[in-house]
Amino acid sequence: TALAVPTAQWGHPMCGPASVRGFVTGERHGVGLTALGWASVGVL
């Protein structure tokens, strides 16, 4: 089981809601960390 932590993105001017969504969904840069096949993924 995994928890995804997007917090660092809010502190960087090149990041925002769209990039946070890409991380959480695993869609950014192809297959991201959250899309590796975990039993479950939550957001912290």
PDB file of all heavy atoms in Angstrom:
ATOM      1  N   THR A   1       0.839  -1.193   0.000  1.00  0.00           N
ATOM      2  CA  THR A   1       0.000   0.000   0.000  1.00  0.00           C
ATOM      3  C   THR A   1       0.870   1.239   0.000  1.00  0.00           C
ATOM      4  O   THR A   1       1.906   1.291   0.663  1.00  0.00           O
ATOM      5  CB  THR A   1      -0.924   0.029   1.226  1.00  0.00           C
ATOM      6  OG1 THR A   1      -0.121   0.024   2.413  1.00  0.00           O
ATOM      7  CG2 THR A   1      -1.837  -1.186   1.237  1.00  0.00           C
ATOM      8  N   ALA A   2       0.441   2.250  -0.755  1.00  0.00           N
ATOM      9  CA  ALA A   2       1.241   3.453  -0.943  1.00  0.00           C
ATOM     10  C   ALA A   2       0.452   4.705  -0.582  1.00  0.00           C
ATOM     11  O   ALA A   2      -0.773   4.762  -0.753  1.00  0.00           O
ATOM     12  CB  ALA A   2       1.714   3.544  -2.393  1.00  0.00           C
ATOM     13  N   LEU A   3       1.184   5.717  -0.103  1.00  0.00           N
ATOM     14  CA  LEU A   3       0.655   7.065   0.059  1.00  0.00           C
ATOM     15  C   LEU A   3       1.466   8.002  -0.814  1.00  0.00           C
ATOM     16  O   LEU A   3       2.705   8.009  -0.745  1.00  0.00           O
ATOM     17  CB  LEU A   3       0.719   7.518   1.513  1.00  0.00           C
ATOM     18  CG  LEU A   3      -0.269   6.896   2.493  1.00  0.00           C
ATOM     19  CD1 LEU A   3      -0.006   7.413   3.905  1.00  0.00           C
ATOM     20  CD2 LEU A   3      -1.703   7.181   2.085  1.00  0.00           C
ATOM     21  N   ALA A   4       0.796   8.770  -1.639  1.00  0.00           N
ATOM     22  CA  ALA A   4       1.446   9.738  -2.523  1.00  0.00           C
ATOM     23  C   ALA A   4       1.449  11.106  -1.856  1.00  0.00           C
ATOM     24  O   ALA A   4       0.411  11.581  -1.378  1.00  0.00           O
ATOM     25  CB  ALA A   4       0.708   9.802  -3.858  1.00  0.00           C
ATOM     26  N   VAL A   5       2.616  11.750  -1.838  1.00  0.00           N
ATOM     27  CA  VAL A   5       2.782  13.048  -1.175  1.00  0.00           C
ATOM     28  C   VAL A   5       3.135  14.089  -2.236  1.00  0.00           C
ATOM     29  O   VAL A   5       4.289  14.177  -2.678  1.00  0.00           O
ATOM     30  CB  VAL A   5       3.885  12.978  -0.102  1.00  0.00           C
ATOM     31  CG1 VAL A   5       4.012  14.324   0.608  1.00  0.00           C
ATOM     32  CG2 VAL A   5       3.605  11.858   0.904  1.00  0.00           C
ATOM     33  N   PRO A   6       2.178  14.934  -2.647  1.00  0.00           N
ATOM     34  CA  PRO A   6       2.437  15.932  -3.684  1.00  0.00           C
ATOM     35  C   PRO A   6       2.894  17.290  -3.162  1.00  0.00           C
ATOM     36  O   PRO A   6       3.116  18.220  -3.944  1.00  0.00           O
ATOM     37  CB  PRO A   6       1.068  16.075  -4.351  1.00  0.00           C
ATOM     38  CG  PRO A   6       0.104  15.889  -3.219  1.00  0.00           C
ATOM     39  CD  PRO A   6       0.748  14.866  -2.300  1.00  0.00           C
ATOM     40  N   THR A   7       3.068  17.435  -1.859  1.00  0.00           N
ATOM     41  CA  THR A   7       3.201  18.748  -1.206  1.00  0.00           C
ATOM     42  C   THR A   7       4.279  19.636  -1.806  1.00  0.00           C
ATOM     43  O   THR A   7       4.092  20.860  -1.932  1.00  0.00           O
ATOM     44  CB  THR A   7       3.458  18.550   0.296  1.00  0.00           C
ATOM     45  OG1 THR A   7       2.398  17.758   0.847  1.00  0.00           O
ATOM     46  CG2 THR A   7       3.533  19.880   1.016  1.00  0.00           C
ATOM     47  N   ALA A   8       5.427  19.080  -2.166  1.00  0.00           N
ATOM     48  CA  ALA A   8       6.536  19.901  -2.663  1.00  0.00           C
ATOM     49  C   ALA A   8       6.152  20.722  -3.884  1.00  0.00           C
ATOM     50  O   ALA A   8       6.716  21.796  -4.123  1.00  0.00           O
ATOM     51  CB  ALA A   8       7.739  19.018  -2.991  1.00  0.00           C
ATOM     52  N   GLN A   9       5.185  20.229  -4.653  1.00  0.00           N
ATOM     53  CA  GLN A   9       4.803  20.938  -5.874  1.00  0.00           C
ATOM     54  C   GLN A   9       4.251  22.330  -5.590  1.00  0.00           C
ATOM     55  O   GLN A   9       4.487  23.267  -6.367  1.00  0.00           O
ATOM     56  CB  GLN A   9       3.775  20.120  -6.660  1.00  0.00           C
ATOM     57  CG  GLN A   9       4.320  18.868  -7.298  1.00  0.00           C
ATOM     58  CD  GLN A   9       3.549  18.508  -8.547  1.00  0.00           C
ATOM     59  OE1 GLN A   9       3.101  19.375  -9.300  1.00  0.00           O
ATOM     60  NE2 GLN A   9       3.378  17.225  -8.764  1.00  0.00           N
ATOM     61  N   TRP A  10       3.535  22.485  -4.486  1.00  0.00           N
ATOM     62  CA  TRP A  10       2.903  23.785  -4.209  1.00  0.00           C
ATOM     63  C   TRP A  10       3.931  24.881  -3.966  1.00  0.00           C
ATOM     64  O   TRP A  10       3.622  26.069  -4.109  1.00  0.00           O
ATOM     65  CB  TRP A  10       1.966  23.667  -3.008  1.00  0.00           C
ATOM     66  CG  TRP A  10       0.910  22.634  -3.167  1.00  0.00           C
ATOM     67  CD1 TRP A  10       0.706  21.531  -2.378  1.00  0.00           C
ATOM     68  CD2 TRP A  10      -0.111  22.572  -4.178  1.00  0.00           C
ATOM     69  NE1 TRP A  10      -0.362  20.800  -2.834  1.00  0.00           N
ATOM     70  CE2 TRP A  10      -0.881  21.409  -3.934  1.00  0.00           C
ATOM     71  CE3 TRP A  10      -0.442  23.379  -5.270  1.00  0.00           C
ATOM     72  CZ2 TRP A  10      -1.956  21.037  -4.740  1.00  0.00           C
ATOM     73  CZ3 TRP A  10      -1.519  23.005  -6.082  1.00  0.00           C
ATOM     74  CH2 TRP A  10      -2.258  21.859  -5.806  1.00  0.00           C
ATOM     75  N   GLY A  11       5.156  24.517  -3.633  1.00  0.00           N
ATOM     76  CA  GLY A  11       6.182  25.509  -3.367  1.00  0.00           C
ATOM     77  C   GLY A  11       6.996  25.908  -4.578  1.00  0.00           C
ATOM     78  O   GLY A  11       7.890  26.749  -4.465  1.00  0.00           O
ATOM     79  N   HIS A  12       6.714  25.325  -5.739  1.00  0.00           N
ATOM     80  CA  HIS A  12       7.520  25.603  -6.931  1.00  0.00           C
ATOM     81  C   HIS A  12       6.682  26.313  -7.987  1.00  0.00           C
ATOM     82  O   HIS A  12       5.584  25.857  -8.322  1.00  0.00           O
ATOM     83  CB  HIS A  12       8.078  24.309  -7.510  1.00  0.00           C
ATOM     84  CG  HIS A  12       9.256  24.518  -8.406  1.00  0.00           C
ATOM     85  ND1 HIS A  12       9.146  25.107  -9.646  1.00  0.00           N
ATOM     86  CD2 HIS A  12      10.570  24.229  -8.240  1.00  0.00           C
ATOM     87  CE1 HIS A  12      10.342  25.160 -10.213  1.00  0.00           C
ATOM     88  NE2 HIS A  12      11.226  24.642  -9.379  1.00  0.00           N
ATOM     89  N   PRO A  13       7.158  27.420  -8.539  1.00  0.00           N
ATOM     90  CA  PRO A  13       6.339  28.189  -9.496  1.00  0.00           C
ATOM     91  C   PRO A  13       6.051  27.468 -10.809  1.00  0.00           C
ATOM     92  O   PRO A  13       5.145  27.865 -11.532  1.00  0.00           O
ATOM     93  CB  PRO A  13       7.184  29.457  -9.743  1.00  0.00           C
ATOM     94  CG  PRO A  13       8.574  29.075  -9.377  1.00  0.00           C
ATOM     95  CD  PRO A  13       8.444  28.085  -8.256  1.00  0.00           C
ATOM     96  N   MET A  14       6.780  26.406 -11.125  1.00  0.00           N
ATOM     97  CA  MET A  14       6.519  25.668 -12.359  1.00  0.00           C
ATOM     98  C   MET A  14       5.471  24.586 -12.171  1.00  0.00           C
ATOM     99  O   MET A  14       5.105  23.907 -13.138  1.00  0.00           O
ATOM    100  CB  MET A  14       7.821  25.055 -12.885  1.00  0.00           C
ATOM    101  CG  MET A  14       8.855  26.066 -13.345  1.00  0.00           C
ATOM    102  SD  MET A  14      10.364  25.293 -13.982  1.00  0.00           S
ATOM    103  CE  MET A  14       9.713  24.421 -15.417  1.00  0.00           C
ATOM    104  N   CYS A  15       4.999  24.406 -10.944  1.00  0.00           N
ATOM    105  CA  CYS A  15       4.013  23.356 -10.645  1.00  0.00           C
ATOM    106  C   CYS A  15       2.664  23.981 -10.303  1.00  0.00           C
ATOM    107  O   CYS A  15       2.571  25.169 -10.016  1.00  0.00           O
ATOM    108  CB  CYS A  15       4.492  22.496  -9.483  1.00  0.00           C
ATOM    109  SG  CYS A  15       6.091  21.701  -9.742  1.00  0.00           S
ATOM    110  N   GLY A  16       1.631  23.159 -10.335  1.00  0.00           N
ATOM    111  CA  GLY A  16       0.289  23.645 -10.022  1.00  0.00           C
ATOM    112  C   GLY A  16      -0.719  22.521 -10.061  1.00  0.00           C
ATOM    113  O   GLY A  16      -0.345  21.337 -10.060  1.00  0.00           O
ATOM    114  N   PRO A  17      -2.002  22.845 -10.092  1.00  0.00           N
ATOM    115  CA  PRO A  17      -3.039  21.815 -10.026  1.00  0.00           C
ATOM    116  C   PRO A  17      -2.916  20.729 -11.087  1.00  0.00           C
ATOM    117  O   PRO A  17      -3.149  19.547 -10.799  1.00  0.00           O
ATOM    118  CB  PRO A  17      -4.339  22.615 -10.208  1.00  0.00           C
ATOM    119  CG  PRO A  17      -4.007  23.971  -9.678  1.00  0.00           C
ATOM    120  CD  PRO A  17      -2.576  24.210 -10.064  1.00  0.00           C
ATOM    121  N   ALA A  18      -2.552  21.099 -12.312  1.00  0.00           N
ATOM    122  CA  ALA A  18      -2.466  20.098 -13.374  1.00  0.00           C
ATOM    123  C   ALA A  18      -1.317  19.125 -13.125  1.00  0.00           C
ATOM    124  O   ALA A  18      -1.464  17.906 -13.323  1.00  0.00           O
ATOM    125  CB  ALA A  18      -2.300  20.778 -14.733  1.00  0.00           C
ATOM    126  N   SER A  19      -0.166  19.644 -12.690  1.00  0.00           N
ATOM    127  CA  SER A  19       0.961  18.748 -12.447  1.00  0.00           C
ATOM    128  C   SER A  19       0.730  17.882 -11.214  1.00  0.00           C
ATOM    129  O   SER A  19       1.162  16.725 -11.172  1.00  0.00           O
ATOM    130  CB  SER A  19       2.261  19.551 -12.312  1.00  0.00           C
ATOM    131  OG  SER A  19       2.195  20.465 -11.237  1.00  0.00           O
ATOM    132  N   VAL A  20       0.049  18.422 -10.210  1.00  0.00           N
ATOM    133  CA  VAL A  20      -0.300  17.612  -9.044  1.00  0.00           C
ATOM    134  C   VAL A  20      -1.213  16.469  -9.456  1.00  0.00           C
ATOM    135  O   VAL A  20      -1.022  15.317  -9.045  1.00  0.00           O
ATOM    136  CB  VAL A  20      -0.955  18.477  -7.947  1.00  0.00           C
ATOM    137  CG1 VAL A  20      -1.565  17.600  -6.865  1.00  0.00           C
ATOM    138  CG2 VAL A  20       0.071  19.422  -7.334  1.00  0.00           C
ATOM    139  N   ARG A  21      -2.188  16.785 -10.294  1.00  0.00           N
ATOM    140  CA  ARG A  21      -3.085  15.729 -10.769  1.00  0.00           C
ATOM    141  C   ARG A  21      -2.302  14.660 -11.540  1.00  0.00           C
ATOM    142  O   ARG A  21      -2.541  13.450 -11.385  1.00  0.00           O
ATOM    143  CB  ARG A  21      -4.179  16.307 -11.673  1.00  0.00           C
ATOM    144  CG  ARG A  21      -5.135  15.253 -12.222  1.00  0.00           C
ATOM    145  CD  ARG A  21      -6.115  15.820 -13.235  1.00  0.00           C
ATOM    146  NE  ARG A  21      -7.028  14.799 -13.707  1.00  0.00           N
ATOM    147  CZ  ARG A  21      -6.750  13.911 -14.659  1.00  0.00           C
ATOM    148  NH1 ARG A  21      -5.547  13.909 -15.221  1.00  0.00           N
ATOM    149  NH2 ARG A  21      -7.636  13.006 -15.016  1.00  0.00           N
ATOM    150  N   GLY A  22      -1.356  15.095 -12.364  1.00  0.00           N
ATOM    151  CA  GLY A  22      -0.571  14.143 -13.129  1.00  0.00           C
ATOM    152  C   GLY A  22       0.220  13.198 -12.243  1.00  0.00           C
ATOM    153  O   GLY A  22       0.349  12.008 -12.550  1.00  0.00           O
ATOM    154  N   PHE A  23       0.745  13.725 -11.135  1.00  0.00           N
ATOM    155  CA  PHE A  23       1.466  12.872 -10.193  1.00  0.00           C
ATOM    156  C   PHE A  23       0.524  11.903  -9.504  1.00  0.00           C
ATOM    157  O   PHE A  23       0.790  10.694  -9.435  1.00  0.00           O
ATOM    158  CB  PHE A  23       2.180  13.735  -9.154  1.00  0.00           C
ATOM    159  CG  PHE A  23       2.681  12.967  -7.963  1.00  0.00           C
ATOM    160  CD1 PHE A  23       3.658  12.001  -8.110  1.00  0.00           C
ATOM    161  CD2 PHE A  23       2.176  13.225  -6.689  1.00  0.00           C
ATOM    162  CE1 PHE A  23       4.124  11.282  -6.996  1.00  0.00           C
ATOM    163  CE2 PHE A  23       2.633  12.519  -5.591  1.00  0.00           C
ATOM    164  CZ  PHE A  23       3.603  11.547  -5.745  1.00  0.00           C
ATOM    165  N   VAL A  24      -0.589  12.412  -9.000  1.00  0.00           N
ATOM    166  CA  VAL A  24      -1.506  11.575  -8.236  1.00  0.00           C
ATOM    167  C   VAL A  24      -2.085  10.458  -9.105  1.00  0.00           C
ATOM    168  O   VAL A  24      -2.218   9.308  -8.661  1.00  0.00           O
ATOM    169  CB  VAL A  24      -2.624  12.437  -7.621  1.00  0.00           C
ATOM    170  CG1 VAL A  24      -3.726  11.563  -7.024  1.00  0.00           C
ATOM    171  CG2 VAL A  24      -2.044  13.363  -6.552  1.00  0.00           C
ATOM    172  N   THR A  25      -2.411  10.762 -10.351  1.00  0.00           N
ATOM    173  CA  THR A  25      -3.007   9.758 -11.233  1.00  0.00           C
ATOM    174  C   THR A  25      -1.975   8.866 -11.898  1.00  0.00           C
ATOM    175  O   THR A  25      -2.327   7.829 -12.471  1.00  0.00           O
ATOM    176  CB  THR A  25      -3.837  10.432 -12.337  1.00  0.00           C
ATOM    177  OG1 THR A  25      -2.975  11.263 -13.136  1.00  0.00           O
ATOM    178  CG2 THR A  25      -4.955  11.277 -11.736  1.00  0.00           C
ATOM    179  N   GLY A  26      -0.709   9.253 -11.854  1.00  0.00           N
ATOM    180  CA  GLY A  26       0.326   8.469 -12.504  1.00  0.00           C
ATOM    181  C   GLY A  26       0.456   8.717 -13.981  1.00  0.00           C
ATOM    182  O   GLY A  26       1.178   8.002 -14.677  1.00  0.00           O
ATOM    183  N   GLU A  27      -0.201   9.761 -14.475  1.00  0.00           N
ATOM    184  CA  GLU A  27      -0.215  10.018 -15.912  1.00  0.00           C
ATOM    185  C   GLU A  27       0.959  10.862 -16.384  1.00  0.00           C
ATOM    186  O   GLU A  27       1.230  10.928 -17.577  1.00  0.00           O
ATOM    187  CB  GLU A  27      -1.520  10.729 -16.293  1.00  0.00           C
ATOM    188  CG  GLU A  27      -2.759   9.877 -16.049  1.00  0.00           C
ATOM    189  CD  GLU A  27      -4.043  10.676 -16.225  1.00  0.00           C
ATOM    190  OE1 GLU A  27      -3.942  11.896 -16.502  1.00  0.00           O
ATOM    191  OE2 GLU A  27      -5.122  10.095 -16.073  1.00  0.00           O
ATOM    192  N   ARG A  28       1.647  11.534 -15.452  1.00  0.00           N
ATOM    193  CA  ARG A  28       2.741  12.396 -15.849  1.00  0.00           C
ATOM    194  C   ARG A  28       3.942  11.574 -16.282  1.00  0.00           C
ATOM    195  O   ARG A  28       4.319  10.610 -15.635  1.00  0.00           O
ATOM    196  CB  ARG A  28       3.138  13.304 -14.683  1.00  0.00           C
ATOM    197  CG  ARG A  28       4.044  14.465 -15.086  1.00  0.00           C
ATOM    198  CD  ARG A  28       4.425  15.296 -13.886  1.00  0.00           C
ATOM    199  NE  ARG A  28       5.324  14.560 -13.011  1.00  0.00           N
ATOM    200  CZ  ARG A  28       5.381  14.732 -11.698  1.00  0.00           C
ATOM    201  NH1 ARG A  28       4.585  15.588 -11.109  1.00  0.00           N
ATOM    202  NH2 ARG A  28       6.225  14.041 -10.969  1.00  0.00           N
ATOM    203  N   HIS A  29       4.560  11.974 -17.397  1.00  0.00           N
ATOM    204  CA  HIS A  29       5.746  11.287 -17.918  1.00  0.00           C
ATOM    205  C   HIS A  29       5.466   9.801 -18.151  1.00  0.00           C
ATOM    206  O   HIS A  29       6.282   8.931 -17.810  1.00  0.00           O
ATOM    207  CB  HIS A  29       6.928  11.445 -16.973  1.00  0.00           C
ATOM    208  CG  HIS A  29       7.244  12.862 -16.621  1.00  0.00           C
ATOM    209  ND1 HIS A  29       7.299  13.864 -17.570  1.00  0.00           N
ATOM    210  CD2 HIS A  29       7.509  13.450 -15.431  1.00  0.00           C
ATOM    211  CE1 HIS A  29       7.606  15.008 -16.970  1.00  0.00           C
ATOM    212  NE2 HIS A  29       7.726  14.793 -15.682  1.00  0.00           N
ATOM    213  N   GLY A  30       4.310   9.493 -18.736  1.00  0.00           N
ATOM    214  CA  GLY A  30       3.990   8.091 -18.985  1.00  0.00           C
ATOM    215  C   GLY A  30       3.464   7.435 -17.725  1.00  0.00           C
ATOM    216  O   GLY A  30       2.512   7.904 -17.122  1.00  0.00           O
ATOM    217  N   VAL A  31       4.121   6.362 -17.315  1.00  0.00           N
ATOM    218  CA  VAL A  31       3.695   5.638 -16.114  1.00  0.00           C
ATOM    219  C   VAL A  31       4.468   6.185 -14.920  1.00  0.00           C
ATOM    220  O   VAL A  31       5.671   5.992 -14.792  1.00  0.00           O
ATOM    221  CB  VAL A  31       3.935   4.124 -16.253  1.00  0.00           C
ATOM    222  CG1 VAL A  31       3.554   3.415 -14.967  1.00  0.00           C
ATOM    223  CG2 VAL A  31       3.137   3.570 -17.413  1.00  0.00           C
ATOM    224  N   GLY A  32       3.772   6.890 -14.028  1.00  0.00           N
ATOM    225  CA  GLY A  32       4.412   7.491 -12.869  1.00  0.00           C
ATOM    226  C   GLY A  32       4.414   6.575 -11.666  1.00  0.00           C
ATOM    227  O   GLY A  32       3.962   5.416 -11.718  1.00  0.00           O
ATOM    228  N   LEU A  33       4.891   7.098 -10.542  1.00  0.00           N
ATOM    229  CA  LEU A  33       5.041   6.295  -9.331  1.00  0.00           C
ATOM    230  C   LEU A  33       3.745   5.663  -8.868  1.00  0.00           C
ATOM    231  O   LEU A  33       3.730   4.529  -8.392  1.00  0.00           O
ATOM    232  CB  LEU A  33       5.601   7.156  -8.205  1.00  0.00           C
ATOM    233  CG  LEU A  33       7.068   7.556  -8.258  1.00  0.00           C
ATOM    234  CD1 LEU A  33       7.434   8.334  -7.002  1.00  0.00           C
ATOM    235  CD2 LEU A  33       7.961   6.346  -8.413  1.00  0.00           C
ATOM    236  N   THR A  34       2.657   6.396  -8.961  1.00  0.00           N
ATOM    237  CA  THR A  34       1.398   5.874  -8.441  1.00  0.00           C
ATOM    238  C   THR A  34       0.780   4.820  -9.347  1.00  0.00           C
ATOM    239  O   THR A  34      -0.184   4.163  -8.948  1.00  0.00           O
ATOM    240  CB  THR A  34       0.380   7.010  -8.230  1.00  0.00           C
ATOM    241  OG1 THR A  34       0.138   7.652  -9.490  1.00  0.00           O
ATOM    242  CG2 THR A  34       0.904   8.029  -7.234  1.00  0.00           C
ATOM    243  N   ALA A  35       1.313   4.639 -10.542  1.00  0.00           N
ATOM    244  CA  ALA A  35       0.762   3.684 -11.507  1.00  0.00           C
ATOM    245  C   ALA A  35       1.627   2.440 -11.663  1.00  0.00           C
ATOM    246  O   ALA A  35       1.567   1.760 -12.682  1.00  0.00           O
ATOM    247  CB  ALA A  35       0.585   4.364 -12.870  1.00  0.00           C
ATOM    248  N   LEU A  36       2.429   2.123 -10.642  1.00  0.00           N
ATOM    249  CA  LEU A  36       3.320   0.967 -10.733  1.00  0.00           C
ATOM    250  C   LEU A  36       2.627  -0.347 -10.419  1.00  0.00           C
ATOM    251  O   LEU A  36       3.235  -1.411 -10.577  1.00  0.00           O
ATOM    252  CB  LEU A  36       4.510   1.155  -9.778  1.00  0.00           C
ATOM    253  CG  LEU A  36       5.473   2.290 -10.135  1.00  0.00           C
ATOM    254  CD1 LEU A  36       6.544   2.422  -9.048  1.00  0.00           C
ATOM    255  CD2 LEU A  36       6.118   2.053 -11.484  1.00  0.00           C
ATOM    256  N   GLY A  37       1.369  -0.283  -9.967  1.00  0.00           N
ATOM    257  CA  GLY A  37       0.635  -1.512  -9.684  1.00  0.00           C
ATOM    258  C   GLY A  37       0.467  -1.813  -8.210  1.00  0.00           C
ATOM    259  O   GLY A  37       0.369  -2.979  -7.808  1.00  0.00           O
ATOM    260  N   TRP A  38       0.402  -0.771  -7.384  1.00  0.00           N
ATOM    261  CA  TRP A  38       0.240  -0.944  -5.947  1.00  0.00           C
ATOM    262  C   TRP A  38      -1.102  -1.587  -5.604  1.00  0.00           C
ATOM    263  O   TRP A  38      -2.077  -1.435  -6.343  1.00  0.00           O
ATOM    264  CB  TRP A  38       0.342   0.405  -5.244  1.00  0.00           C
ATOM    265  CG  TRP A  38       1.587   1.153  -5.563  1.00  0.00           C
ATOM    266  CD1 TRP A  38       1.728   2.194  -6.439  1.00  0.00           C
ATOM    267  CD2 TRP A  38       2.893   0.908  -5.035  1.00  0.00           C
ATOM    268  NE1 TRP A  38       3.033   2.615  -6.479  1.00  0.00           N
ATOM    269  CE2 TRP A  38       3.778   1.846  -5.636  1.00  0.00           C
ATOM    270  CE3 TRP A  38       3.414  -0.017  -4.108  1.00  0.00           C
ATOM    271  CZ2 TRP A  38       5.133   1.883  -5.337  1.00  0.00           C
ATOM    272  CZ3 TRP A  38       4.766   0.033  -3.804  1.00  0.00           C
ATOM    273  CH2 TRP A  38       5.610   0.967  -4.418  1.00  0.00           C
ATOM    274  N   ALA A  39      -1.163  -2.249  -4.444  1.00  0.00           N
ATOM    275  CA  ALA A  39      -2.432  -2.792  -3.968  1.00  0.00           C
ATOM    276  C   ALA A  39      -3.436  -1.670  -3.725  1.00  0.00           C
ATOM    277  O   ALA A  39      -4.636  -1.822  -3.984  1.00  0.00           O
ATOM    278  CB  ALA A  39      -2.220  -3.589  -2.685  1.00  0.00           C
ATOM    279  N   SER A  40      -2.953  -0.533  -3.240  1.00  0.00           N
ATOM    280  CA  SER A  40      -3.792   0.658  -3.086  1.00  0.00           C
ATOM    281  C   SER A  40      -2.894   1.875  -3.045  1.00  0.00           C
ATOM    282  O   SER A  40      -1.718   1.790  -2.670  1.00  0.00           O
ATOM    283  CB  SER A  40      -4.647   0.594  -1.817  1.00  0.00           C
ATOM    284  OG  SER A  40      -3.834   0.690  -0.659  1.00  0.00           O
ATOM    285  N   VAL A  41      -3.451   3.024  -3.432  1.00  0.00           N
ATOM    286  CA  VAL A  41      -2.736   4.290  -3.402  1.00  0.00           C
ATOM    287  C   VAL A  41      -3.647   5.350  -2.796  1.00  0.00           C
ATOM    288  O   VAL A  41      -4.784   5.523  -3.245  1.00  0.00           O
ATOM    289  CB  VAL A  41      -2.292   4.754  -4.805  1.00  0.00           C
ATOM    290  CG1 VAL A  41      -1.548   6.087  -4.710  1.00  0.00           C
ATOM    291  CG2 VAL A  41      -1.411   3.713  -5.472  1.00  0.00           C
ATOM    292  N   GLY A  42      -3.167   6.041  -1.787  1.00  0.00           N
ATOM    293  CA  GLY A  42      -3.880   7.179  -1.221  1.00  0.00           C
ATOM    294  C   GLY A  42      -3.038   8.429  -1.369  1.00  0.00           C
ATOM    295  O   GLY A  42      -1.885   8.375  -1.798  1.00  0.00           O
ATOM    296  N   VAL A  43      -3.617   9.574  -1.020  1.00  0.00           N
ATOM    297  CA  VAL A  43      -2.917  10.856  -1.105  1.00  0.00           C
ATOM    298  C   VAL A  43      -2.748  11.411   0.302  1.00  0.00           C
ATOM    299  O   VAL A  43      -3.710  11.473   1.075  1.00  0.00           O
ATOM    300  CB  VAL A  43      -3.685  11.859  -1.984  1.00  0.00           C
ATOM    301  CG1 VAL A  43      -2.981  13.217  -1.983  1.00  0.00           C
ATOM    302  CG2 VAL A  43      -3.823  11.327  -3.408  1.00  0.00           C
ATOM    303  N   LEU A  44      -1.525  11.819   0.623  1.00  0.00           N
ATOM    304  CA  LEU A  44      -1.227  12.435   1.912  1.00  0.00           C
ATOM    305  C   LEU A  44      -0.744  13.851   1.635  1.00  0.00           C
ATOM    306  O   LEU A  44       0.384  14.063   1.198  1.00  0.00           O
ATOM    307  CB  LEU A  44      -0.146  11.642   2.647  1.00  0.00           C
ATOM    308  CG  LEU A  44       0.152  12.099   4.073  1.00  0.00           C
ATOM    309  CD1 LEU A  44      -1.004  11.722   5.001  1.00  0.00           C
ATOM    310  CD2 LEU A  44       1.461  11.495   4.571  1.00  0.00           C
TER     311      LEU A  44
END
